[in-house]
Amino acid sequence: MTAADPTGQPEASAPRPFELAPDPDVPTPVAGPLPSPGPGWEAARTEGTGLEVWKRAVADPSEAAALWSARRAEHAATGWWPLLVDDGFWQSVELEPMPGGPAPLVDGRQWLSDRLFGADRLIDQLELGEVAPDSGETGAGADLLLGAAQNATAVVLVPAPASWLVPELVNWEGAVNHDMSGRQHTPVLRRWAGAYGAELVAMTLDVVTLRVADPPAGDDAVVAAFEAAAYCEDAVFQGTGTVGTLAAMTRQPLWMFWWD
């Protein structure tokens, strides 16, 4: 398998000739009425942006998963997006956005293509390796949420019409070691929301967890794995070792990304 660079010339070290598909049409939904979340919730603010959120402590993963599910079901009516967080999350939302405002962002395809085929040519550093066949096995919904909630100490409600806006709204800096600001997550998460039904479930000090309603299969899962590596190269370099192994994750309905 060989890949083509933006000029159309094949590169022997890259995995296959492909171009990333265009971003799906994902309009930003209108924010809900944002009513008070009710008793048991404590008002808080993300220090860097001053955004008003609500938080509620949880005792264990079961409670966290159940509370997340209940608030997710109400999102269309309330406009509050639920987020599973740990204590370290608050350290990743302490920084203010860049002075003068962030630079305009391109769409998800362009952002990922620049990472893979741009000046640094991440594509040349990625080893495809063996791609295991689809197993057809996926976790059940409740089990998935329990997995995402293992380290959760609270559920936070963010005023966001879509989950892919959350890292930008709170200016999450968990990937700052890779020069990614909160806003730079937006085009990728928006793209995956349209392509795979991905939605943000949890954010900790340096980990993002997504629930994926329609994960890709076959070759599409391999391309998704290259996208995942462009978004979080540590998923390969500090994790699976090869893109082919990472494809086993992109076939699953729970995606986790950690930035060292």
Protein backbone atom coordinates (compact mmCIF):
# COMPACT_ATOMS: atom_id res chain seq x y z
CA MET A 1 0.00 0.00 0.00
CA THR A 2 1.37 3.43 -0.91
CA ALA A 3 -0.02 6.89 -0.29
CA ALA A 4 -0.04 9.97 -2.49
CA ASP A 5 1.19 13.38 -1.41
CA PRO A 6 -0.81 16.53 -2.27
CA THR A 7 0.95 16.78 -5.66
CA GLY A 8 -0.31 13.33 -6.61
CA GLN A 9 3.10 11.64 -6.51
CA PRO A 10 3.18 8.31 -4.65
CA GLU A 11 5.43 7.86 -1.65
CA ALA A 12 6.81 4.36 -1.15
CA SER A 13 7.01 4.69 2.61
CA ALA A 14 3.38 5.68 3.02
CA PRO A 15 0.62 3.11 3.41
CA ARG A 16 -1.71 3.51 0.41
CA PRO A 17 -2.96 5.96 -2.23
CA PHE A 18 -5.83 7.78 -0.59
CA GLU A 19 -7.30 11.19 -0.03
CA LEU A 20 -9.41 11.94 2.98
CA ALA A 21 -13.09 12.21 2.19
CA PRO A 22 -14.72 15.65 2.45
CA ASP A 23 -16.24 16.63 5.75
CA PRO A 24 -19.90 15.64 6.13
CA ASP A 25 -22.39 18.47 6.41
CA VAL A 26 -22.74 19.01 10.15
CA PRO A 27 -24.58 22.24 10.89
CA THR A 28 -24.20 23.68 14.36
CA PRO A 29 -27.50 23.10 16.16
CA VAL A 30 -29.26 25.90 17.97
CA ALA A 31 -28.54 26.04 21.68
CA GLY A 32 -31.31 24.90 23.97
CA PRO A 33 -33.07 27.08 26.54
CA LEU A 34 -30.44 26.33 29.23
CA PRO A 35 -32.69 25.95 32.24
CA SER A 36 -31.32 25.39 35.72
CA PRO A 37 -30.20 21.76 35.99
CA GLY A 38 -32.10 21.32 39.24
CA PRO A 39 -31.14 20.30 42.78
CA GLY A 40 -27.85 18.55 43.47
CA TRP A 41 -25.82 20.61 40.96
CA GLU A 42 -23.17 23.13 41.96
CA ALA A 43 -22.37 26.17 39.82
CA ALA A 44 -18.74 26.44 38.69
CA ARG A 45 -16.63 28.18 36.07
CA THR A 46 -13.81 27.03 33.83
CA GLU A 47 -10.99 29.29 34.94
CA GLY A 48 -9.46 30.06 31.55
CA THR A 49 -12.64 31.08 29.74
CA GLY A 50 -14.88 31.98 32.67
CA LEU A 51 -17.59 29.78 31.21
CA GLU A 52 -20.36 28.98 33.68
CA VAL A 53 -20.90 25.24 34.04
CA TRP A 54 -22.56 22.97 36.59
CA LYS A 55 -20.93 20.05 38.33
CA ARG A 56 -22.09 17.14 40.44
CA ALA A 57 -19.84 14.72 42.29
CA VAL A 58 -20.28 10.99 41.68
CA ALA A 59 -19.35 8.14 43.99
CA ASP A 60 -18.57 5.40 41.46
CA PRO A 61 -18.56 4.58 37.73
CA SER A 62 -22.10 3.22 37.79
CA GLU A 63 -23.49 6.45 39.20
CA ALA A 64 -21.41 8.50 36.76
CA ALA A 65 -22.56 6.48 33.73
CA ALA A 66 -26.21 6.63 34.76
CA LEU A 67 -26.09 10.38 35.36
CA TRP A 68 -24.32 10.99 32.06
CA SER A 69 -26.93 8.93 30.18
CA ALA A 70 -29.83 10.76 31.81
CA ARG A 71 -28.44 14.21 31.03
CA ARG A 72 -27.44 13.19 27.50
CA ALA A 73 -31.05 12.15 26.82
CA GLU A 74 -32.18 15.62 27.90
CA HIS A 75 -29.60 17.58 25.91
CA ALA A 76 -31.85 18.56 23.02
CA ALA A 77 -34.29 20.12 25.47
CA THR A 78 -31.80 21.71 27.86
CA GLY A 79 -28.69 22.64 25.85
CA TRP A 80 -26.45 21.28 28.63
CA TRP A 81 -23.89 18.77 27.33
CA PRO A 82 -22.80 16.26 30.02
CA LEU A 83 -19.14 15.47 30.47
CA LEU A 84 -17.49 12.87 32.65
CA VAL A 85 -14.45 14.44 34.31
CA ASP A 86 -11.83 13.66 36.91
CA ASP A 87 -10.10 16.09 39.27
CA GLY A 88 -7.33 16.66 36.72
CA PHE A 89 -9.82 18.08 34.21
CA TRP A 90 -9.88 21.39 36.05
CA GLN A 91 -6.10 21.76 35.59
CA SER A 92 -6.59 21.50 31.82
CA VAL A 93 -9.08 24.37 31.66
CA GLU A 94 -7.03 26.95 33.60
CA LEU A 95 -5.41 28.72 30.65
CA GLU A 96 -6.95 31.65 28.82
CA PRO A 97 -7.35 31.44 25.03
CA MET A 98 -4.53 32.90 22.96
CA PRO A 99 -4.29 36.72 23.06
CA GLY A 100 -6.04 38.34 20.13
CA GLY A 101 -8.19 35.30 19.54
CA PRO A 102 -7.28 32.01 17.85
CA ALA A 103 -6.41 31.83 14.18
CA PRO A 104 -9.23 30.78 11.84
CA LEU A 105 -9.52 27.04 11.43
CA VAL A 106 -9.86 25.00 8.29
CA ASP A 107 -12.27 22.08 8.11
CA GLY A 108 -11.48 18.65 9.52
CA ARG A 109 -10.26 17.16 6.26
CA GLN A 110 -7.81 20.01 5.71
CA TRP A 111 -6.57 19.92 9.32
CA LEU A 112 -5.96 16.17 9.21
CA SER A 113 -4.48 16.27 5.69
CA ASP A 114 -2.04 18.97 6.75
CA ARG A 115 -0.93 16.78 9.63
CA LEU A 116 -0.56 13.66 7.49
CA PHE A 117 0.78 15.08 4.22
CA GLY A 118 2.04 18.55 5.15
CA ALA A 119 5.51 19.78 5.96
CA ASP A 120 6.13 17.32 8.80
CA ARG A 121 4.73 14.40 6.75
CA LEU A 122 3.47 12.36 9.66
CA ILE A 123 2.38 9.76 7.10
CA ASP A 124 6.05 8.81 6.57
CA GLN A 125 6.53 8.17 10.28
CA LEU A 126 3.54 5.86 10.64
CA GLU A 127 3.89 2.12 10.17
CA LEU A 128 0.83 0.36 8.81
CA GLY A 129 1.68 -3.08 10.16
CA GLU A 130 -0.75 -5.97 10.12
CA VAL A 131 -4.43 -5.13 9.91
CA ALA A 132 -6.47 -7.68 11.81
CA PRO A 133 -9.78 -8.73 10.26
CA ASP A 134 -13.00 -7.38 11.68
CA SER A 135 -14.05 -9.39 14.71
CA GLY A 136 -17.60 -8.11 14.64
CA GLU A 137 -17.49 -7.77 18.44
CA THR A 138 -18.46 -4.50 20.09
CA GLY A 139 -19.24 -3.63 23.68
CA ALA A 140 -22.74 -2.99 24.94
CA GLY A 141 -23.81 0.59 25.61
CA ALA A 142 -23.86 0.32 29.39
CA ASP A 143 -20.48 -1.39 29.46
CA LEU A 144 -19.03 1.32 27.23
CA LEU A 145 -20.12 4.09 29.54
CA LEU A 146 -18.80 2.22 32.56
CA GLY A 147 -15.44 2.03 30.83
CA ALA A 148 -15.48 5.75 30.09
CA ALA A 149 -16.52 6.52 33.67
CA GLN A 150 -13.83 4.51 35.48
CA ASN A 151 -11.91 7.57 36.65
CA ALA A 152 -14.79 10.02 36.81
CA THR A 153 -15.22 12.04 39.98
CA ALA A 154 -17.96 14.32 38.64
CA VAL A 155 -20.33 15.04 35.80
CA VAL A 156 -20.03 18.56 34.39
CA LEU A 157 -22.77 20.24 32.34
CA VAL A 158 -21.40 22.52 29.61
CA PRO A 159 -23.63 25.00 27.72
CA ALA A 160 -22.96 23.56 24.28
CA PRO A 161 -25.37 22.83 21.40
CA ALA A 162 -23.02 20.04 20.21
CA SER A 163 -20.38 17.98 21.96
CA TRP A 164 -17.70 18.82 19.41
CA LEU A 165 -17.75 22.43 20.61
CA VAL A 166 -16.96 21.56 24.23
CA PRO A 167 -13.10 21.53 24.09
CA GLU A 168 -13.17 24.95 22.44
CA LEU A 169 -15.72 26.42 24.84
CA VAL A 170 -13.75 25.37 27.92
CA ASN A 171 -10.35 25.83 26.19
CA TRP A 172 -9.23 22.34 27.13
CA GLU A 173 -5.42 22.20 27.07
CA GLY A 174 -4.88 18.50 27.64
CA ALA A 175 -2.98 18.25 24.34
CA VAL A 176 -0.93 21.42 24.85
CA ASN A 177 2.32 19.41 24.71
CA HIS A 178 1.47 18.81 21.06
CA ASP A 179 0.63 22.47 20.40
CA MET A 180 -3.10 21.84 20.27
CA SER A 181 -5.36 24.43 21.82
CA GLY A 182 -8.95 23.76 22.80
CA ARG A 183 -10.25 25.15 19.53
CA GLN A 184 -8.11 22.85 17.39
CA HIS A 185 -10.17 19.85 18.50
CA THR A 186 -13.31 21.35 16.95
CA PRO A 187 -12.81 20.52 13.24
CA VAL A 188 -11.80 16.92 13.91
CA LEU A 189 -14.58 16.16 16.40
CA ARG A 190 -17.11 17.89 14.14
CA ARG A 191 -15.95 15.78 11.18
CA TRP A 192 -16.22 12.54 13.17
CA ALA A 193 -19.63 13.53 14.52
CA GLY A 194 -20.91 13.64 10.96
CA ALA A 195 -19.02 10.63 9.65
CA TYR A 196 -19.38 8.20 12.56
CA GLY A 197 -21.84 9.72 15.01
CA ALA A 198 -18.98 10.36 17.45
CA GLU A 199 -19.77 12.37 20.56
CA LEU A 200 -17.68 13.51 23.48
CA VAL A 201 -18.23 11.54 26.68
CA ALA A 202 -15.27 12.24 28.96
CA MET A 203 -12.33 14.62 29.39
CA THR A 204 -9.65 14.31 32.05
CA LEU A 205 -6.25 15.93 32.48
CA ASP A 206 -4.98 14.67 29.12
CA VAL A 207 -7.50 12.09 27.82
CA VAL A 208 -10.49 12.49 25.52
CA THR A 209 -13.09 9.72 25.25
CA LEU A 210 -15.64 9.53 22.43
CA ARG A 211 -18.69 7.32 22.03
CA VAL A 212 -19.13 6.34 18.37
CA ALA A 213 -22.59 5.37 17.15
CA ASP A 214 -21.52 4.14 13.69
CA PRO A 215 -17.86 3.07 13.75
CA PRO A 216 -16.23 2.30 10.39
CA ALA A 217 -15.36 -1.20 9.16
CA GLY A 218 -12.91 -2.73 6.71
CA ASP A 219 -10.66 -0.31 4.82
CA ASP A 220 -12.69 2.60 6.16
CA ALA A 221 -11.51 1.68 9.65
CA VAL A 222 -7.89 1.84 8.46
CA VAL A 223 -8.39 5.31 6.97
CA ALA A 224 -10.11 6.34 10.21
CA ALA A 225 -7.05 5.04 12.08
CA PHE A 226 -4.79 7.30 10.03
CA GLU A 227 -7.09 10.19 10.90
CA ALA A 228 -6.95 9.17 14.56
CA ALA A 229 -3.15 9.09 14.42
CA ALA A 230 -3.11 12.56 12.87
CA TYR A 231 -5.37 13.83 15.64
CA CYS A 232 -3.38 12.13 18.41
CA GLU A 233 -0.09 10.68 17.25
CA ASP A 234 0.53 9.27 20.72
CA ALA A 235 -2.28 6.81 19.99
CA VAL A 236 0.34 5.07 17.81
CA PHE A 237 3.73 6.22 19.09
CA GLN A 238 2.86 5.76 22.78
CA GLY A 239 0.15 3.17 22.25
CA THR A 240 -0.61 0.64 19.52
CA GLY A 241 2.70 0.96 17.64
CA THR A 242 1.08 0.60 14.21
CA VAL A 243 -1.89 2.09 12.40
CA GLY A 244 -3.18 -1.39 11.62
CA THR A 245 -3.48 -2.13 15.31
CA LEU A 246 -5.12 1.24 15.94
CA ALA A 247 -7.76 0.27 13.37
CA ALA A 248 -9.02 -2.28 15.88
CA MET A 249 -10.00 0.67 18.08
CA THR A 250 -11.65 2.68 15.31
CA ARG A 251 -13.94 -0.29 14.63
CA GLN A 252 -15.18 -0.07 18.21
CA PRO A 253 -17.85 2.26 19.65
CA LEU A 254 -15.50 3.78 22.24
CA TRP A 255 -12.43 5.79 21.19
CA MET A 256 -9.90 7.03 23.75
CA PHE A 257 -7.05 9.45 23.04
CA TRP A 258 -4.19 10.28 25.40
CA TRP A 259 -1.59 12.98 24.80
CA ASP A 260 1.70 12.37 26.62
